[in-house]
Amino acid sequence: MSVIIILLIASISVAALFLAAFIWSVKSGQYDDEVSPPMRMLLEDTKAK
């Protein structure tokens, strides 16, 4: 029974860590630019070798 409690605490801790990393990336502007990455591929002038 104690193993279940330990695994539950560990999984909640990992989930909270991923949630904190996601919130940090949103607040730091990681997902702000939604237009230019697809457009950059279409407007690239260099030719592949």
PDB file of N, CA and C in Angstrom:
ATOM      1  N   MET A   1       0.820  -1.196   0.000  1.00  0.00           N
ATOM      2  CA  MET A   1       0.000   0.000   0.000  1.00  0.00           C
ATOM      3  C   MET A   1       0.859   1.252   0.000  1.00  0.00           C
ATOM      4  N   SER A   2       2.001   1.218   0.655  1.00  0.00           N
ATOM      5  CA  SER A   2       2.857   2.400   0.712  1.00  0.00           C
ATOM      6  C   SER A   2       3.514   2.676  -0.641  1.00  0.00           C
ATOM      7  N   VAL A   3       3.689   1.639  -1.457  1.00  0.00           N
ATOM      8  CA  VAL A   3       4.273   1.833  -2.774  1.00  0.00           C
ATOM      9  C   VAL A   3       3.332   2.657  -3.647  1.00  0.00           C
ATOM     10  N   ILE A   4       2.039   2.428  -3.533  1.00  0.00           N
ATOM     11  CA  ILE A   4       1.056   3.174  -4.308  1.00  0.00           C
ATOM     12  C   ILE A   4       1.103   4.657  -3.930  1.00  0.00           C
ATOM     13  N   ILE A   5       1.250   4.940  -2.670  1.00  0.00           N
ATOM     14  CA  ILE A   5       1.321   6.336  -2.217  1.00  0.00           C
ATOM     15  C   ILE A   5       2.587   6.999  -2.743  1.00  0.00           C
ATOM     16  N   ILE A   6       3.704   6.283  -2.712  1.00  0.00           N
ATOM     17  CA  ILE A   6       4.965   6.826  -3.220  1.00  0.00           C
ATOM     18  C   ILE A   6       4.867   7.090  -4.716  1.00  0.00           C
ATOM     19  N   LEU A   7       4.297   6.152  -5.478  1.00  0.00           N
ATOM     20  CA  LEU A   7       4.142   6.340  -6.915  1.00  0.00           C
ATOM     21  C   LEU A   7       3.165   7.468  -7.235  1.00  0.00           C
ATOM     22  N   LEU A   8       2.143   7.621  -6.439  1.00  0.00           N
ATOM     23  CA  LEU A   8       1.183   8.697  -6.629  1.00  0.00           C
ATOM     24  C   LEU A   8       1.847  10.054  -6.402  1.00  0.00           C
ATOM     25  N   ILE A   9       2.624  10.158  -5.364  1.00  0.00           N
ATOM     26  CA  ILE A   9       3.342  11.408  -5.082  1.00  0.00           C
ATOM     27  C   ILE A   9       4.363  11.705  -6.180  1.00  0.00           C
ATOM     28  N   ALA A  10       5.052  10.672  -6.646  1.00  0.00           N
ATOM     29  CA  ALA A  10       6.040  10.864  -7.709  1.00  0.00           C
ATOM     30  C   ALA A  10       5.373  11.313  -9.008  1.00  0.00           C
ATOM     31  N   SER A  11       4.257  10.703  -9.369  1.00  0.00           N
ATOM     32  CA  SER A  11       3.591  11.076 -10.617  1.00  0.00           C
ATOM     33  C   SER A  11       2.994  12.480 -10.539  1.00  0.00           C
ATOM     34  N   ILE A  12       2.465  12.867  -9.402  1.00  0.00           N
ATOM     35  CA  ILE A  12       1.945  14.223  -9.241  1.00  0.00           C
ATOM     36  C   ILE A  12       3.083  15.234  -9.295  1.00  0.00           C
ATOM     37  N   SER A  13       4.225  14.883  -8.742  1.00  0.00           N
ATOM     38  CA  SER A  13       5.383  15.775  -8.787  1.00  0.00           C
ATOM     39  C   SER A  13       5.872  15.974 -10.221  1.00  0.00           C
ATOM     40  N   VAL A  14       5.939  14.902 -10.994  1.00  0.00           N
ATOM     41  CA  VAL A  14       6.372  15.005 -12.386  1.00  0.00           C
ATOM     42  C   VAL A  14       5.364  15.818 -13.195  1.00  0.00           C
ATOM     43  N   ALA A  15       4.081  15.591 -12.973  1.00  0.00           N
ATOM     44  CA  ALA A  15       3.043  16.346 -13.677  1.00  0.00           C
ATOM     45  C   ALA A  15       3.118  17.826 -13.324  1.00  0.00           C
ATOM     46  N   ALA A  16       3.357  18.143 -12.066  1.00  0.00           N
ATOM     47  CA  ALA A  16       3.486  19.546 -11.653  1.00  0.00           C
ATOM     48  C   ALA A  16       4.728  20.182 -12.273  1.00  0.00           C
ATOM     49  N   LEU A  17       5.794  19.424 -12.403  1.00  0.00           N
ATOM     50  CA  LEU A  17       7.010  19.928 -13.038  1.00  0.00           C
ATOM     51  C   LEU A  17       6.759  20.258 -14.508  1.00  0.00           C
ATOM     52  N   PHE A  18       6.081  19.375 -15.224  1.00  0.00           N
ATOM     53  CA  PHE A  18       5.771  19.638 -16.624  1.00  0.00           C
ATOM     54  C   PHE A  18       4.797  20.809 -16.772  1.00  0.00           C
ATOM     55  N   LEU A  19       3.854  20.931 -15.877  1.00  0.00           N
ATOM     56  CA  LEU A  19       2.932  22.060 -15.914  1.00  0.00           C
ATOM     57  C   LEU A  19       3.671  23.368 -15.675  1.00  0.00           C
ATOM     58  N   ALA A  20       4.583  23.372 -14.727  1.00  0.00           N
ATOM     59  CA  ALA A  20       5.364  24.579 -14.449  1.00  0.00           C
ATOM     60  C   ALA A  20       6.242  24.944 -15.645  1.00  0.00           C
ATOM     61  N   ALA A  21       6.830  23.954 -16.307  1.00  0.00           N
ATOM     62  CA  ALA A  21       7.652  24.226 -17.491  1.00  0.00           C
ATOM     63  C   ALA A  21       6.802  24.777 -18.628  1.00  0.00           C
ATOM     64  N   PHE A  22       5.592  24.261 -18.795  1.00  0.00           N
ATOM     65  CA  PHE A  22       4.701  24.763 -19.836  1.00  0.00           C
ATOM     66  C   PHE A  22       4.279  26.199 -19.548  1.00  0.00           C
ATOM     67  N   ILE A  23       3.909  26.488 -18.317  1.00  0.00           N
ATOM     68  CA  ILE A  23       3.500  27.852 -17.953  1.00  0.00           C
ATOM     69  C   ILE A  23       4.669  28.816 -18.119  1.00  0.00           C
ATOM     70  N   TRP A  24       5.863  28.394 -17.746  1.00  0.00           N
ATOM     71  CA  TRP A  24       7.050  29.232 -17.918  1.00  0.00           C
ATOM     72  C   TRP A  24       7.308  29.520 -19.396  1.00  0.00           C
ATOM     73  N   SER A  25       7.151  28.510 -20.265  1.00  0.00           N
ATOM     74  CA  SER A  25       7.403  28.734 -21.688  1.00  0.00           C
ATOM     75  C   SER A  25       6.349  29.641 -22.312  1.00  0.00           C
ATOM     76  N   VAL A  26       5.115  29.557 -21.858  1.00  0.00           N
ATOM     77  CA  VAL A  26       4.069  30.443 -22.379  1.00  0.00           C
ATOM     78  C   VAL A  26       4.320  31.879 -21.930  1.00  0.00           C
ATOM     79  N   LYS A  27       4.697  32.061 -20.678  1.00  0.00           N
ATOM     80  CA  LYS A  27       4.948  33.412 -20.168  1.00  0.00           C
ATOM     81  C   LYS A  27       6.192  34.038 -20.780  1.00  0.00           C
ATOM     82  N   SER A  28       7.165  33.221 -21.183  1.00  0.00           N
ATOM     83  CA  SER A  28       8.385  33.775 -21.767  1.00  0.00           C
ATOM     84  C   SER A  28       8.251  34.038 -23.255  1.00  0.00           C
ATOM     85  N   GLY A  29       7.085  33.747 -23.846  1.00  0.00           N
ATOM     86  CA  GLY A  29       6.840  34.084 -25.239  1.00  0.00           C
ATOM     87  C   GLY A  29       7.239  33.023 -26.236  1.00  0.00           C
ATOM     88  N   GLN A  30       7.369  31.797 -25.817  1.00  0.00           N
ATOM     89  CA  GLN A  30       7.784  30.716 -26.705  1.00  0.00           C
ATOM     90  C   GLN A  30       6.774  30.487 -27.831  1.00  0.00           C
ATOM     91  N   TYR A  31       5.506  30.691 -27.573  1.00  0.00           N
ATOM     92  CA  TYR A  31       4.463  30.371 -28.542  1.00  0.00           C
ATOM     93  C   TYR A  31       3.828  31.618 -29.157  1.00  0.00           C
ATOM     94  N   ASP A  32       4.495  32.755 -29.107  1.00  0.00           N
ATOM     95  CA  ASP A  32       3.912  33.994 -29.615  1.00  0.00           C
ATOM     96  C   ASP A  32       3.879  34.056 -31.141  1.00  0.00           C
ATOM     97  N   ASP A  33       4.915  33.596 -31.797  1.00  0.00           N
ATOM     98  CA  ASP A  33       5.017  33.724 -33.244  1.00  0.00           C
ATOM     99  C   ASP A  33       4.414  32.494 -33.916  1.00  0.00           C
ATOM    100  N   GLU A  34       3.202  32.637 -34.438  1.00  0.00           N
ATOM    101  CA  GLU A  34       2.528  31.513 -35.076  1.00  0.00           C
ATOM    102  C   GLU A  34       2.527  31.624 -36.594  1.00  0.00           C
ATOM    103  N   VAL A  35       2.959  32.743 -37.149  1.00  0.00           N
ATOM    104  CA  VAL A  35       2.823  32.969 -38.583  1.00  0.00           C
ATOM    105  C   VAL A  35       4.138  32.766 -39.326  1.00  0.00           C
ATOM    106  N   SER A  36       5.226  33.308 -38.821  1.00  0.00           N
ATOM    107  CA  SER A  36       6.443  33.343 -39.626  1.00  0.00           C
ATOM    108  C   SER A  36       7.125  31.991 -39.856  1.00  0.00           C
ATOM    109  N   PRO A  37       7.108  31.005 -38.972  1.00  0.00           N
ATOM    110  CA  PRO A  37       7.794  29.757 -39.318  1.00  0.00           C
ATOM    111  C   PRO A  37       7.249  29.069 -40.578  1.00  0.00           C
ATOM    112  N   PRO A  38       5.934  28.953 -40.783  1.00  0.00           N
ATOM    113  CA  PRO A  38       5.489  28.354 -42.048  1.00  0.00           C
ATOM    114  C   PRO A  38       5.766  29.260 -43.247  1.00  0.00           C
ATOM    115  N   MET A  39       5.662  30.564 -43.055  1.00  0.00           N
ATOM    116  CA  MET A  39       5.902  31.489 -44.161  1.00  0.00           C
ATOM    117  C   MET A  39       7.388  31.540 -44.516  1.00  0.00           C
ATOM    118  N   ARG A  40       8.258  31.364 -43.556  1.00  0.00           N
ATOM    119  CA  ARG A  40       9.697  31.377 -43.810  1.00  0.00           C
ATOM    120  C   ARG A  40      10.081  30.258 -44.773  1.00  0.00           C
ATOM    121  N   MET A  41       9.442  29.110 -44.645  1.00  0.00           N
ATOM    122  CA  MET A  41       9.732  27.996 -45.521  1.00  0.00           C
ATOM    123  C   MET A  41       9.304  28.317 -46.957  1.00  0.00           C
ATOM    124  N   LEU A  42       8.185  29.011 -47.113  1.00  0.00           N
ATOM    125  CA  LEU A  42       7.687  29.318 -48.448  1.00  0.00           C
ATOM    126  C   LEU A  42       8.470  30.436 -49.121  1.00  0.00           C
ATOM    127  N   LEU A  43       9.001  31.365 -48.354  1.00  0.00           N
ATOM    128  CA  LEU A  43       9.675  32.514 -48.918  1.00  0.00           C
ATOM    129  C   LEU A  43      11.193  32.396 -48.978  1.00  0.00           C
ATOM    130  N   GLU A  44      11.725  31.244 -48.661  1.00  0.00           N
ATOM    131  CA  GLU A  44      13.168  31.063 -48.634  1.00  0.00           C
ATOM    132  C   GLU A  44      13.713  31.064 -50.059  1.00  0.00           C
ATOM    133  N   ASP A  45      14.749  31.883 -50.316  1.00  0.00           N
ATOM    134  CA  ASP A  45      15.267  32.049 -51.657  1.00  0.00           C
ATOM    135  C   ASP A  45      16.421  31.109 -51.986  1.00  0.00           C
ATOM    136  N   THR A  46      17.099  30.568 -51.011  1.00  0.00           N
ATOM    137  CA  THR A  46      18.251  29.720 -51.303  1.00  0.00           C
ATOM    138  C   THR A  46      17.794  28.381 -51.854  1.00  0.00           C
ATOM    139  N   LYS A  47      18.565  27.859 -52.792  1.00  0.00           N
ATOM    140  CA  LYS A  47      18.235  26.579 -53.400  1.00  0.00           C
ATOM    141  C   LYS A  47      19.021  25.465 -52.721  1.00  0.00           C
ATOM    142  N   ALA A  48      18.380  24.333 -52.571  1.00  0.00           N
ATOM    143  CA  ALA A  48      19.049  23.185 -51.956  1.00  0.00           C
ATOM    144  C   ALA A  48      20.033  22.582 -52.957  1.00  0.00           C
ATOM    145  N   LYS A  49      21.142  22.075 -52.436  1.00  0.00           N
ATOM    146  CA  LYS A  49      22.151  21.472 -53.310  1.00  0.00           C
ATOM    147  C   LYS A  49      21.809  20.028 -53.609  1.00  0.00           C
TER     148      LYS A  49
END
